[in-house]
Protein backbone atom coordinates (compact mmCIF):
# COMPACT_ATOMS: atom_id res chain seq x y z
CA MET A 1 0.00 0.00 0.00
CA GLY A 2 2.82 2.36 0.81
CA LYS A 3 4.33 1.88 -2.64
CA ALA A 4 0.93 2.36 -4.28
CA LEU A 5 0.40 5.65 -2.45
CA LYS A 6 3.68 7.14 -3.61
CA GLY A 7 2.96 10.34 -5.53
CA LYS A 8 -0.78 9.94 -4.97
CA ARG A 9 -1.16 10.55 -1.24
CA ASP A 10 -2.98 13.85 -1.73
CA LYS A 11 -5.59 12.09 -3.87
CA VAL A 12 -6.40 9.40 -1.31
CA PHE A 13 -8.48 9.47 1.87
CA LEU A 14 -6.61 6.94 3.98
CA ALA A 15 -8.27 5.03 6.82
CA SER A 16 -6.72 2.40 9.06
CA LYS A 17 -7.36 0.62 12.36
CA MET A 18 -5.65 -0.55 15.49
CA GLY A 19 -6.63 -2.58 18.52
CA ILE A 20 -6.95 -6.23 17.50
CA PHE A 21 -3.86 -8.41 17.69
CA ALA A 22 -4.65 -11.60 15.79
CA SER A 23 -1.18 -12.95 15.05
CA GLY A 24 2.27 -13.13 16.57
CA GLU A 25 2.99 -13.45 20.27
CA LYS A 26 0.42 -10.84 21.30
CA ARG A 27 -3.23 -11.90 20.98
CA GLY A 28 -6.39 -10.05 21.96
CA ILE A 29 -7.44 -6.41 22.17
CA ASP A 30 -5.22 -3.61 23.40
CA CYS A 31 -6.21 0.06 23.13
CA ALA A 32 -4.03 1.46 25.90
CA PRO A 33 -2.74 4.98 25.06
CA ALA A 34 0.85 3.76 24.66
CA THR A 35 -0.24 0.95 22.36
CA ILE A 36 -2.31 3.32 20.22
CA ARG A 37 0.72 5.52 19.63
CA GLU A 38 3.03 2.57 19.00
CA GLU A 39 0.68 0.99 16.47
CA LEU A 40 0.12 4.28 14.65
CA GLU A 41 3.85 4.80 14.25
CA LYS A 42 4.15 1.30 12.77
CA SER A 43 1.37 2.03 10.31
CA LEU A 44 2.87 5.36 9.27
CA THR A 45 6.16 3.60 8.55
CA LEU A 46 4.57 0.75 6.61
CA LEU A 47 2.28 3.07 4.64
CA GLN A 48 5.19 5.45 3.97
CA THR A 49 3.16 8.49 4.96
CA ASP A 50 3.18 11.10 7.71
CA HIS A 51 -0.52 11.00 8.51
CA ILE A 52 -3.64 8.83 8.36
CA ASP A 53 -6.87 10.69 7.63
CA LEU A 54 -9.17 8.48 9.71
CA TYR A 55 -7.84 6.21 12.44
CA TYR A 56 -10.15 3.65 14.04
CA MET A 57 -10.12 1.78 17.31
CA HIS A 58 -11.02 -1.64 15.89
CA ARG A 59 -12.74 -2.89 19.07
CA ARG A 60 -13.52 -1.68 22.58
CA ASP A 61 -10.80 -2.51 25.08
CA PHE A 62 -12.86 -3.19 28.19
CA SER A 63 -9.76 -2.90 30.40
CA VAL A 64 -9.12 0.72 29.40
CA PRO A 65 -11.59 3.60 29.90
CA ILE A 66 -12.79 4.76 26.50
CA GLU A 67 -12.00 8.32 27.58
CA ASP A 68 -8.31 7.42 27.94
CA SER A 69 -8.11 5.79 24.52
CA VAL A 70 -9.88 8.69 22.81
CA GLY A 71 -7.69 11.15 24.68
CA ALA A 72 -4.61 9.47 23.21
CA LEU A 73 -6.12 9.69 19.73
CA ALA A 74 -6.96 13.35 20.29
CA ASP A 75 -3.29 13.99 21.10
CA LEU A 76 -2.33 12.41 17.77
CA ILE A 77 -4.70 14.78 15.99
CA LYS A 78 -3.00 17.73 17.67
CA GLU A 79 0.33 16.39 16.42
CA GLY A 80 -1.01 16.12 12.85
CA LYS A 81 -0.48 12.37 12.67
CA ILE A 82 -4.16 11.53 12.24
CA GLY A 83 -6.99 13.61 10.87
CA ALA A 84 -10.00 12.16 12.65
CA ILE A 85 -11.04 9.48 15.11
CA GLY A 86 -13.16 6.43 14.31
CA LEU A 87 -14.63 3.67 16.45
CA SER A 88 -15.68 0.19 15.38
CA GLU A 89 -18.33 -2.16 16.79
CA MET A 90 -19.01 -0.04 19.86
CA SER A 91 -22.22 0.81 21.69
CA ALA A 92 -24.25 4.00 21.80
CA ASP A 93 -23.15 4.57 25.39
CA THR A 94 -19.49 4.18 24.47
CA LEU A 95 -19.93 6.57 21.54
CA ARG A 96 -21.45 9.24 23.77
CA LYS A 97 -18.63 8.89 26.33
CA ALA A 98 -16.03 9.08 23.55
CA SER A 99 -17.70 12.11 21.95
CA ALA A 100 -17.55 13.95 25.27
CA VAL A 101 -13.74 13.81 24.99
CA HIS A 102 -13.37 14.54 21.26
CA PRO A 103 -15.66 14.51 18.21
CA ILE A 104 -15.90 11.04 16.69
CA ALA A 105 -15.94 11.18 12.90
CA ALA A 106 -17.06 7.63 12.16
CA MET A 107 -18.55 4.54 13.74
CA GLN A 108 -17.89 1.43 11.69
CA THR A 109 -20.29 -1.41 12.43
CA GLU A 110 -21.67 -4.38 10.52
CA TYR A 111 -25.01 -3.48 8.97
CA SER A 112 -27.15 -5.00 6.25
CA PRO A 113 -30.70 -6.33 5.99
CA TRP A 114 -29.61 -9.44 7.90
CA THR A 115 -27.49 -7.73 10.56
CA ARG A 116 -29.61 -5.16 12.39
CA GLN A 117 -27.92 -4.66 15.77
CA ALA A 118 -27.07 -1.05 14.90
CA GLU A 119 -30.78 -0.27 14.79
CA ILE A 120 -31.10 -0.87 18.55
CA ALA A 121 -29.27 2.34 19.47
CA VAL A 122 -26.09 3.10 17.49
CA LEU A 123 -27.71 4.52 14.35
CA ASP A 124 -29.65 7.04 16.39
CA ALA A 125 -26.67 7.84 18.61
CA CYS A 126 -24.52 8.57 15.57
CA ARG A 127 -27.15 10.95 14.24
CA GLU A 128 -27.41 12.57 17.68
CA VAL A 129 -23.69 13.33 18.11
CA GLY A 130 -22.88 14.01 14.44
CA THR A 131 -20.93 10.84 13.71
CA THR A 132 -21.01 9.20 10.29
CA PHE A 133 -22.20 5.61 10.46
CA VAL A 134 -19.97 3.40 8.29
CA ALA A 135 -21.69 0.12 7.40
CA PHE A 136 -19.28 -2.73 6.82
CA SER A 137 -20.43 -6.00 5.23
CA PRO A 138 -23.40 -4.15 3.67
CA VAL A 139 -24.06 -7.10 1.36
CA ALA A 140 -24.15 -9.57 4.27
CA ARG A 141 -20.63 -10.93 3.79
CA GLY A 142 -21.50 -11.79 0.21
CA ALA A 143 -24.71 -13.65 1.02
CA LEU A 144 -26.86 -10.86 -0.45
CA ALA A 145 -24.60 -10.48 -3.48
CA ASN A 146 -24.77 -14.00 -4.91
CA GLY A 147 -21.35 -14.47 -3.37
CA VAL A 148 -21.89 -17.64 -1.34
CA ALA A 149 -23.31 -20.62 -3.20
CA ASP A 150 -22.02 -23.21 -0.74
CA PRO A 151 -20.18 -22.31 2.49
CA GLU A 152 -18.47 -25.70 2.40
CA ALA A 153 -16.72 -24.58 -0.79
CA LEU A 154 -15.19 -21.53 0.88
CA GLU A 155 -11.45 -21.52 1.49
CA GLU A 156 -10.38 -23.16 4.73
CA LYS A 157 -9.29 -19.85 6.28
CA ASP A 158 -12.44 -17.97 5.25
CA ILE A 159 -13.88 -16.47 8.45
CA ARG A 160 -17.45 -17.16 7.29
CA ARG A 161 -16.90 -20.87 7.93
CA ALA A 162 -16.99 -20.14 11.67
CA MET A 163 -20.09 -17.94 11.50
CA PRO A 164 -23.31 -19.67 12.62
CA ARG A 165 -25.37 -18.25 9.76
CA PHE A 166 -23.30 -20.13 7.21
CA GLN A 167 -23.51 -23.48 8.97
CA GLY A 168 -25.80 -26.51 8.72
CA ALA A 169 -29.52 -26.00 9.24
CA ASN A 170 -29.02 -22.25 9.62
CA TRP A 171 -27.60 -22.00 6.12
CA ALA A 172 -30.37 -24.16 4.67
CA HIS A 173 -32.93 -21.77 6.16
CA ASN A 174 -31.05 -18.61 5.16
CA ARG A 175 -30.52 -19.85 1.61
CA ALA A 176 -34.30 -19.74 1.10
CA LEU A 177 -34.37 -16.12 2.30
CA ILE A 178 -31.56 -15.28 -0.09
CA ALA A 179 -33.43 -16.83 -3.02
CA ALA A 180 -36.45 -14.65 -2.22
CA PHE A 181 -34.22 -11.60 -1.90
CA ASN A 182 -32.64 -12.35 -5.29
CA ALA A 183 -36.09 -12.60 -6.85
CA LEU A 184 -37.02 -9.22 -5.39
CA ALA A 185 -33.86 -7.68 -6.87
CA ALA A 186 -34.58 -9.20 -10.28
CA ARG A 187 -38.11 -7.79 -10.20
CA GLU A 188 -36.69 -4.32 -9.56
CA GLY A 189 -34.10 -4.67 -12.32
CA VAL A 190 -31.05 -4.48 -10.05
CA ALA A 191 -28.42 -6.95 -8.87
CA PRO A 192 -28.83 -8.36 -5.34
CA ALA A 193 -25.75 -6.42 -4.19
CA GLN A 194 -27.20 -3.22 -5.60
CA LEU A 195 -30.46 -3.83 -3.75
CA SER A 196 -28.69 -4.46 -0.45
CA LEU A 197 -26.46 -1.39 -0.82
CA ALA A 198 -29.41 0.83 -1.73
CA TRP A 199 -31.29 -0.44 1.32
CA VAL A 200 -28.35 0.35 3.62
CA LEU A 201 -27.88 3.83 2.15
CA SER A 202 -31.57 4.59 2.59
CA ARG A 203 -31.33 4.26 6.37
CA GLY A 204 -30.15 7.82 6.93
CA GLU A 205 -28.23 10.74 5.48
CA HIS A 206 -25.42 9.96 7.93
CA VAL A 207 -24.97 6.38 6.62
CA VAL A 208 -22.26 5.29 4.18
CA ALA A 209 -21.29 1.78 3.07
CA ILE A 210 -17.96 0.03 2.56
CA PRO A 211 -18.40 -3.28 0.70
CA GLY A 212 -15.44 -5.60 1.16
CA THR A 213 -14.80 -5.79 -2.55
CA GLY A 214 -11.92 -7.96 -3.76
CA LYS A 215 -12.70 -8.13 -7.47
CA ILE A 216 -12.97 -5.41 -10.11
CA ALA A 217 -16.18 -6.94 -11.46
CA HIS A 218 -17.81 -6.67 -8.03
CA LEU A 219 -16.66 -3.06 -7.69
CA GLU A 220 -18.17 -2.22 -11.07
CA GLU A 221 -21.44 -3.91 -10.14
CA ASN A 222 -21.60 -2.12 -6.80
CA ILE A 223 -21.34 1.34 -8.36
CA ALA A 224 -23.22 0.70 -11.61
CA ARG A 225 -26.55 1.77 -10.06
CA TRP A 226 -25.21 4.33 -7.62
CA ASP A 227 -28.02 6.71 -8.58
CA TRP A 228 -30.83 4.21 -7.91
CA GLU A 229 -32.85 5.06 -4.82
CA ILE A 230 -34.79 2.19 -3.37
CA PRO A 231 -38.56 2.92 -3.27
CA ALA A 232 -39.99 2.98 0.23
CA SER A 233 -42.32 0.11 -0.62
CA VAL A 234 -39.41 -2.07 -1.76
CA ALA A 235 -37.40 -1.19 1.35
CA ALA A 236 -40.38 -2.31 3.41
CA GLU A 237 -40.44 -5.63 1.53
CA VAL A 238 -36.75 -6.14 2.30
CA ASP A 239 -37.40 -5.29 5.97
CA ALA A 240 -40.16 -7.87 6.20
CA LEU A 241 -38.21 -10.57 4.38
CA ILE A 242 -34.79 -10.39 6.03
CA ASN A 243 -34.36 -9.16 9.59
CA GLN A 244 -33.17 -10.28 13.03
CA ARG A 245 -36.27 -12.45 13.48
CA THR A 246 -36.18 -14.26 10.14
CA VAL A 247 -32.44 -14.95 9.75
CA ALA A 248 -31.22 -18.15 11.43
CA GLY A 249 -28.06 -18.06 13.52
CA HIS A 250 -26.07 -15.29 15.16
CA ARG A 251 -23.59 -13.27 13.15
CA TYR A 252 -20.66 -14.43 15.31
CA ALA A 253 -19.75 -17.45 17.37
CA ALA A 254 -19.78 -16.87 21.14
CA ALA A 255 -16.04 -16.21 21.53
CA MET A 256 -16.01 -13.48 18.90
CA GLN A 257 -19.29 -11.99 20.10
CA ALA A 258 -17.72 -11.47 23.53
CA THR A 259 -15.39 -8.88 21.99
CA ILE A 260 -18.26 -6.81 20.56
CA ASP A 261 -19.51 -3.74 22.43
CA THR A 262 -22.43 -3.03 20.09
CA GLU A 263 -25.87 -3.68 21.62
CA ASP A 264 -27.38 -7.06 20.78
CA PHE A 265 -30.87 -8.49 20.52
CA ALA A 266 -32.13 -10.68 23.34
């Protein structure tokens, strides 16, 4: 990435994260002020730049007061090393506490027709404090983009293999919902991914989406109908078809869910 940015840095809005340590000797979540600074310096070196425009805390570190972590990030803004602060998968209460220390530019949380936890409180809290809501996995980790025909055919290291919604009887149930969703998209003359993205973007003026696109063809499909606004009646059909009551299985296994601060359904 650093090589790719050479000579183009002023044309790129660069976002990165810190907080989760998933490899090496250190495992878990660490958002202590000293760690935040240390990880930022590593990223600046690797990215061959002197600043990151938006720097996220990837997860809530329950051992460190959110005010301390945000305070450390605010110091980095004063030093010109980051432009704005982002949070990821955190609750409305955490967002309000963080915002009391420094404005929070973005809250990145999973959101799509089949992942609705943000609707409990975070969407409204973001609107309240002036934070942009950044929806990741807006096409349901590929499920609402014709991207998962058979979870068993996914690569061994694919994280979806460990997600309850892609397993056994849950997947058999969800596959029927997906088929109905695909039929709805076809009726409206859009691709399933375009329908899911339009639904997400219709949820508020403060909502943006970041599909995890790894192929040029998917990128082209995602933006081909950027100007299509989902009719309210169609959005209501999507709501009724795919929601927290109709989808089988939780979005994460129990161990991963324990790291999430975002409110959850009973």
